[in-house]
Amino acid sequence: MGSTNTHIEYRVTNDNDNQKVSQILKNRLKFSRGEMRRIKRCAGLMVNDQTVRLNSLVKEGDLIRVNLQDDDDQPVIPQDIPLNILFEDDHILVVNKPSNMLVHPLSYHVLNTLANGVIYHWQQQGHNSKFRSVSRLDKDTSGVILIAKSSYICHQLSEQMKNSMCRREYLAVVHNRITMDSGIIDFPIGRPNDNSLIFGVTPQGKEAITYFTVIQRFAGGSLVKLRLETGRTHQIRVHMRHFGHPLMGDDLYGGSLDLIHRQALHSWHLEFYHPVTKEHMQLEAPLPADITSLIHKCFRYPKKSKS
C-alpha cells in the first residue's frame, strides 16, 4: 500500500527571500518539529520540482511543495461501513456519525467503528493515512466529527481547538424545564476518585465551560443548544446533571430511559478554518430520527420524565 499523496504548496514571498526552507515551514506554515523530522526522513520536500534539503535557501517566487507522507503501518482494519460524509477534500473529512458507534477501535472492539469505515473509504480512493479524529464523540452521541488526513493537518486543527477558534455546538433534550433562557456552566470536571468510572464536578478537576441556550420547553423537559468552550470527557453530560437537568436517555448520569435508549445528545454544528485554503468552514448535521421522535413524545407524554 502506498503512502498518502497529500501535499502543501507555498509560493515564496518577498519577505521570505533568501531564507532557509526550514524557517518558512516553521514560521509561516507552522510545521511542528515532529513533522520536520518526518519530512527529512521521507525526503518529501521539493522546490520548483527539485528535491531539496530543509536548510536549502529559497528566493522570491520559488514554489515549495511538501509531500505529507504518512507511515505505512495501519493498525485499523478496513471495513466497508456506509459513511454519511458532509465534506471531504485532500486534507480533511467531516462525517455525520450515527449513535451506537465508537469512533476508535478498542482492544476488545476492533470492528464496526467509525475508524474502520473511514480507512476502508480512503483505501478505495487509493489514499493511505492513519485515522486521526480532531473532535471526539462518545459512542452514543451522534453528529458532526472532524477527521484529518495527515499529522500536519491534525496539528493545525488541534491548535484551533486549543485556541477556541473551532466552534462546536450540540443539541440535547434534558429533563425538567430550564427557567433561564441562556447561561454559562463553569465547573471543573474530573474523576471524583481514582477508582471512579464516571466523571463529575470536582474542585480537583480541569476547567470546563459550557454555554447553553434553551430552544424549546416541554412539560417535563427542555431542548437546549450547547456550545463547548473546553472539551472535557463527558462534559455536557456532567454539567447538565450538575445543573439539575440530566440528558434524557443518559442513565449513567441520572437520565431516564423511558423515552429514548441513548443520551439525547447530537453534535449538530461545527465551525473552523480550513488549514490550507483558510476558508471559514461551517458544517451541520440535522437531528437524527430518534431525537426528533423524542421531541414529539415530550409533547405527547409530558409527565414521562424523571425529576
Protein backbone atom coordinates (compact mmCIF):
# COMPACT_ATOMS: atom_id res chain seq x y z
CA MET A 1 0.00 0.00 0.00
CA GLY A 2 1.49 3.33 -1.00
CA SER A 3 1.61 6.41 1.20
CA THR A 4 -0.78 9.31 1.01
CA ASN A 5 -0.01 11.82 -1.75
CA THR A 6 -1.50 14.81 0.07
CA HIS A 7 0.74 17.86 -0.25
CA ILE A 8 1.04 21.54 0.72
CA GLU A 9 2.32 24.22 -1.64
CA TYR A 10 3.68 27.65 -0.74
CA ARG A 11 4.93 30.40 -3.10
CA VAL A 12 7.87 32.26 -1.54
CA THR A 13 7.11 35.95 -0.99
CA ASN A 14 9.48 38.91 -0.87
CA ASP A 15 9.75 38.84 2.95
CA ASN A 16 10.90 35.17 2.80
CA ASP A 17 13.58 35.82 0.14
CA ASN A 18 16.92 34.12 0.89
CA GLN A 19 15.54 32.19 3.88
CA LYS A 20 16.02 28.52 4.64
CA VAL A 21 13.08 26.29 3.74
CA SER A 22 13.01 25.09 7.37
CA GLN A 23 12.40 28.67 8.59
CA ILE A 24 9.41 29.08 6.25
CA LEU A 25 7.96 25.69 7.22
CA LYS A 26 8.27 26.52 10.90
CA ASN A 27 7.25 30.20 10.96
CA ARG A 28 4.87 30.58 8.02
CA LEU A 29 3.33 27.12 7.64
CA LYS A 30 3.53 26.18 11.34
CA PHE A 31 5.06 22.73 10.88
CA SER A 32 5.87 21.02 14.19
CA ARG A 33 9.32 19.63 14.99
CA GLY A 34 7.97 16.10 14.56
CA GLU A 35 6.66 16.95 11.09
CA MET A 36 10.03 18.45 10.13
CA ARG A 37 11.76 15.22 11.19
CA ARG A 38 9.28 13.23 9.10
CA ILE A 39 9.94 15.45 6.04
CA LYS A 40 13.70 14.98 6.49
CA ARG A 41 13.31 11.21 6.83
CA CYS A 42 10.96 10.80 3.84
CA ALA A 43 12.74 13.29 1.53
CA GLY A 44 9.33 14.78 0.86
CA LEU A 45 10.45 18.34 0.14
CA MET A 46 10.70 19.98 -3.29
CA VAL A 47 11.38 23.49 -4.58
CA ASN A 48 10.42 24.15 -8.22
CA ASP A 49 10.01 20.36 -8.70
CA GLN A 50 13.54 19.63 -7.48
CA THR A 51 14.17 17.65 -4.28
CA VAL A 52 15.92 19.86 -1.70
CA ARG A 53 17.05 19.73 1.92
CA LEU A 54 15.50 21.61 4.84
CA ASN A 55 18.48 24.01 5.03
CA SER A 56 18.29 24.97 1.32
CA LEU A 57 17.84 28.68 0.63
CA VAL A 58 14.89 29.90 -1.48
CA LYS A 59 14.18 33.03 -3.50
CA GLU A 60 11.04 35.09 -4.01
CA GLY A 61 8.73 33.29 -6.46
CA ASP A 62 10.05 29.80 -5.72
CA LEU A 63 7.37 27.15 -5.22
CA ILE A 64 7.84 24.99 -2.14
CA ARG A 65 5.98 21.67 -2.17
CA VAL A 66 5.80 19.43 0.91
CA ASN A 67 4.52 15.88 0.49
CA LEU A 68 2.66 14.96 3.66
CA GLN A 69 3.76 11.34 3.74
CA ASP A 70 2.33 9.07 6.38
CA ASP A 71 3.80 5.99 7.98
CA ASP A 72 2.69 2.86 6.15
CA ASP A 73 1.70 0.84 9.21
CA GLN A 74 -2.07 0.96 9.60
CA PRO A 75 -3.39 -0.52 12.85
CA VAL A 76 -7.08 -0.14 11.90
CA ILE A 77 -8.78 -2.95 9.95
CA PRO A 78 -10.54 -1.54 6.84
CA GLN A 79 -14.27 -2.35 6.84
CA ASP A 80 -17.00 -1.46 4.34
CA ILE A 81 -19.31 0.67 6.51
CA PRO A 82 -21.59 3.31 4.91
CA LEU A 83 -20.45 6.84 5.83
CA ASN A 84 -22.61 9.96 5.90
CA ILE A 85 -19.98 12.36 4.51
CA LEU A 86 -20.68 16.09 5.00
CA PHE A 87 -17.42 17.32 3.41
CA GLU A 88 -14.21 15.85 2.03
CA ASP A 89 -11.14 17.15 0.20
CA ASP A 90 -7.43 16.21 0.09
CA HIS A 91 -6.86 17.33 3.67
CA ILE A 92 -9.96 16.80 5.80
CA LEU A 93 -13.03 14.59 6.11
CA VAL A 94 -16.18 15.59 8.02
CA VAL A 95 -18.67 12.83 8.81
CA ASN A 96 -22.09 12.68 10.48
CA LYS A 97 -21.54 9.80 12.93
CA PRO A 98 -24.54 7.68 13.90
CA SER A 99 -25.24 6.81 17.54
CA ASN A 100 -24.16 3.40 18.85
CA MET A 101 -20.80 3.64 17.04
CA LEU A 102 -17.37 4.00 18.61
CA VAL A 103 -15.01 6.48 16.94
CA HIS A 104 -11.84 4.43 17.58
CA PRO A 105 -11.34 0.66 17.88
CA LEU A 106 -10.64 -0.74 21.34
CA SER A 107 -8.71 -3.90 22.22
CA TYR A 108 -11.99 -5.76 22.76
CA HIS A 109 -13.92 -3.97 19.97
CA VAL A 110 -11.78 -3.83 16.83
CA LEU A 111 -14.54 -3.69 14.18
CA ASN A 112 -17.65 -1.61 13.39
CA THR A 113 -16.10 1.69 14.50
CA LEU A 114 -16.01 4.94 12.54
CA ALA A 115 -12.26 4.46 12.02
CA ASN A 116 -12.80 1.09 10.27
CA GLY A 117 -15.22 2.68 7.80
CA VAL A 118 -13.04 5.72 7.14
CA ILE A 119 -9.89 3.66 6.47
CA TYR A 120 -11.84 1.45 4.02
CA HIS A 121 -13.26 4.54 2.29
CA TRP A 122 -9.78 6.08 1.95
CA GLN A 123 -8.21 2.88 0.67
CA GLN A 124 -10.92 2.66 -2.02
CA GLN A 125 -9.68 6.11 -3.13
CA GLY A 126 -6.06 4.91 -3.18
CA HIS A 127 -5.31 7.07 -0.14
CA ASN A 128 -3.42 5.58 2.81
CA SER A 129 -3.36 7.55 6.03
CA LYS A 130 -3.77 6.89 9.71
CA PHE A 131 -7.14 7.69 11.27
CA ARG A 132 -6.88 11.00 13.18
CA SER A 133 -10.10 12.41 14.60
CA VAL A 134 -9.69 16.02 15.70
CA SER A 135 -13.01 16.16 17.55
CA ARG A 136 -14.32 13.32 19.72
CA LEU A 137 -17.79 11.96 20.35
CA ASP A 138 -18.99 9.31 22.79
CA LYS A 139 -20.24 6.04 21.32
CA ASP A 140 -23.90 7.07 21.76
CA THR A 141 -23.51 10.72 20.75
CA SER A 142 -24.38 11.32 17.09
CA GLY A 143 -23.35 14.09 14.73
CA VAL A 144 -20.51 16.04 13.16
CA ILE A 145 -16.97 14.76 13.62
CA LEU A 146 -13.80 16.23 12.07
CA ILE A 147 -11.03 13.93 10.78
CA ALA A 148 -7.59 14.98 9.49
CA LYS A 149 -5.85 13.20 6.61
CA SER A 150 -2.27 13.86 7.80
CA SER A 151 -0.43 14.60 11.03
CA TYR A 152 0.28 18.15 9.78
CA ILE A 153 -3.42 18.94 9.23
CA CYS A 154 -4.30 17.26 12.54
CA HIS A 155 -1.80 19.51 14.36
CA GLN A 156 -3.18 22.66 12.69
CA LEU A 157 -6.79 21.79 13.58
CA SER A 158 -5.88 20.73 17.13
CA GLU A 159 -4.28 24.15 17.64
CA GLN A 160 -7.57 25.77 16.52
CA MET A 161 -9.41 23.66 19.11
CA LYS A 162 -6.94 24.67 21.78
CA ASN A 163 -7.21 28.37 20.89
CA SER A 164 -11.04 28.40 20.76
CA MET A 165 -11.04 29.08 17.00
CA CYS A 166 -13.19 26.00 16.49
CA ARG A 167 -16.88 26.36 17.39
CA ARG A 168 -18.71 23.18 18.44
CA GLU A 169 -22.46 23.24 19.05
CA TYR A 170 -24.69 20.42 20.27
CA LEU A 171 -28.41 19.86 20.65
CA ALA A 172 -29.70 17.95 23.67
CA VAL A 173 -33.03 17.03 25.23
CA VAL A 174 -32.79 17.30 29.02
CA HIS A 175 -35.06 16.52 31.95
CA ASN A 176 -37.06 19.31 33.61
CA ARG A 177 -37.89 22.77 32.32
CA ILE A 178 -34.91 25.16 32.36
CA THR A 179 -36.24 28.51 33.55
CA MET A 180 -33.30 30.61 32.30
CA ASP A 181 -33.19 31.37 28.57
CA SER A 182 -29.40 31.05 28.42
CA GLY A 183 -26.36 30.85 30.66
CA ILE A 184 -22.83 29.60 31.30
CA ILE A 185 -21.94 26.47 33.27
CA ASP A 186 -18.40 26.86 34.58
CA PHE A 187 -17.39 24.00 36.89
CA PRO A 188 -14.19 21.90 36.83
CA ILE A 189 -14.60 18.28 35.72
CA GLY A 190 -12.59 15.23 36.73
CA ARG A 191 -12.92 11.78 38.26
CA PRO A 192 -14.34 12.11 41.81
CA ASN A 193 -11.81 9.44 42.90
CA ASP A 194 -9.14 7.26 41.30
CA ASN A 195 -11.44 4.24 41.00
CA SER A 196 -14.38 6.15 39.52
CA LEU A 197 -15.62 5.05 36.09
CA ILE A 198 -17.65 8.21 35.64
CA PHE A 199 -16.77 11.91 35.76
CA GLY A 200 -18.16 14.65 37.94
CA VAL A 201 -17.79 18.25 39.05
CA THR A 202 -14.84 18.24 41.46
CA PRO A 203 -12.52 21.01 42.74
CA GLN A 204 -9.50 18.96 41.61
CA GLY A 205 -10.86 18.70 38.05
CA LYS A 206 -9.85 20.57 34.90
CA GLU A 207 -11.53 23.80 33.84
CA ALA A 208 -14.73 23.13 31.87
CA ILE A 209 -17.04 25.75 30.35
CA THR A 210 -20.36 25.09 28.60
CA TYR A 211 -22.72 27.73 27.17
CA PHE A 212 -26.41 26.86 26.88
CA THR A 213 -29.46 28.37 25.18
CA VAL A 214 -32.99 26.99 25.60
CA ILE A 215 -34.69 26.40 22.24
CA GLN A 216 -37.93 24.75 23.40
CA ARG A 217 -39.58 23.83 26.70
CA PHE A 218 -41.87 20.85 27.37
CA ALA A 219 -43.87 19.97 30.49
CA GLY A 220 -41.07 17.70 31.73
CA GLY A 221 -38.02 18.77 29.78
CA SER A 222 -36.18 21.21 27.51
CA LEU A 223 -34.46 21.19 24.13
CA VAL A 224 -31.18 23.06 24.52
CA LYS A 225 -28.35 24.21 22.29
CA LEU A 226 -24.94 23.84 23.92
CA ARG A 227 -21.58 25.26 22.92
CA LEU A 228 -18.31 23.91 24.27
CA GLU A 229 -15.51 26.26 25.25
CA THR A 230 -13.44 23.31 26.53
CA GLY A 231 -13.51 19.63 25.58
CA ARG A 232 -13.53 17.50 28.74
CA THR A 233 -14.68 13.89 28.67
CA HIS A 234 -18.48 13.72 29.14
CA GLN A 235 -18.50 17.50 29.67
CA ILE A 236 -22.09 18.21 28.57
CA ARG A 237 -23.45 15.15 30.38
CA VAL A 238 -21.67 16.02 33.65
CA HIS A 239 -22.50 19.74 33.52
CA MET A 240 -26.18 19.21 32.74
CA ARG A 241 -26.57 16.70 35.57
CA HIS A 242 -24.84 19.10 37.97
CA PHE A 243 -27.21 21.83 36.74
CA GLY A 244 -30.20 19.62 37.64
CA HIS A 245 -31.06 18.78 34.04
CA PRO A 246 -29.57 15.37 33.11
CA LEU A 247 -29.86 14.31 29.49
CA MET A 248 -32.80 12.09 28.66
CA GLY A 249 -31.60 8.55 27.98
CA ASP A 250 -28.35 9.11 29.91
CA ASP A 251 -28.76 6.59 32.75
CA LEU A 252 -25.05 6.85 33.58
CA TYR A 253 -25.59 10.47 34.69
CA GLY A 254 -29.10 10.38 36.14
CA GLY A 255 -31.25 10.41 33.00
CA SER A 256 -34.27 8.19 32.36
CA LEU A 257 -34.53 5.58 29.60
CA ASP A 258 -38.34 5.95 29.43
CA LEU A 259 -38.45 7.73 26.07
CA ILE A 260 -35.04 7.11 24.43
CA HIS A 261 -32.37 4.44 24.93
CA ARG A 262 -29.23 6.57 24.49
CA GLN A 263 -28.24 10.01 25.73
CA ALA A 264 -30.23 12.56 23.71
CA LEU A 265 -27.14 14.43 22.52
CA HIS A 266 -26.26 15.38 18.95
CA SER A 267 -23.28 17.32 17.59
CA TRP A 268 -25.13 19.44 15.06
CA HIS A 269 -22.82 22.35 14.09
CA LEU A 270 -19.06 22.73 13.59
CA GLU A 271 -17.10 25.83 12.53
CA PHE A 272 -13.37 26.04 11.87
CA TYR A 273 -10.87 27.49 9.41
CA HIS A 274 -9.56 25.20 6.69
CA PRO A 275 -5.83 24.75 7.48
CA VAL A 276 -4.82 25.04 3.80
CA THR A 277 -7.39 27.21 2.00
CA LYS A 278 -8.06 29.35 5.14
CA GLU A 279 -11.76 29.22 4.26
CA HIS A 280 -14.25 29.61 7.13
CA MET A 281 -15.98 26.20 7.19
CA GLN A 282 -19.47 25.67 8.63
CA LEU A 283 -20.93 22.16 8.64
CA GLU A 284 -24.20 20.92 10.07
CA ALA A 285 -25.85 17.54 10.67
CA PRO A 286 -29.65 17.50 11.06
CA LEU A 287 -31.20 15.92 14.15
CA PRO A 288 -31.44 12.13 13.79
CA ALA A 289 -34.81 10.37 13.80
CA ASP A 290 -34.63 9.08 17.38
CA ILE A 291 -34.14 12.57 18.88
CA THR A 292 -36.80 14.10 16.58
CA SER A 293 -39.15 11.34 17.72
CA LEU A 294 -38.22 12.02 21.35
CA ILE A 295 -39.19 15.70 20.99
CA HIS A 296 -42.61 14.66 19.61
CA LYS A 297 -43.04 12.24 22.53
CA CYS A 298 -42.20 15.00 25.02
CA PHE A 299 -45.17 16.98 23.71
CA ARG A 300 -47.46 13.93 23.70
CA TYR A 301 -46.48 12.46 27.08
CA PRO A 302 -45.46 15.47 29.17
CA LYS A 303 -45.39 13.64 32.52
CA LYS A 304 -42.93 10.90 31.41
CA SER A 305 -39.86 12.47 32.96
CA LYS A 306 -37.55 11.81 35.84
CA SER A 307 -37.29 14.70 38.23
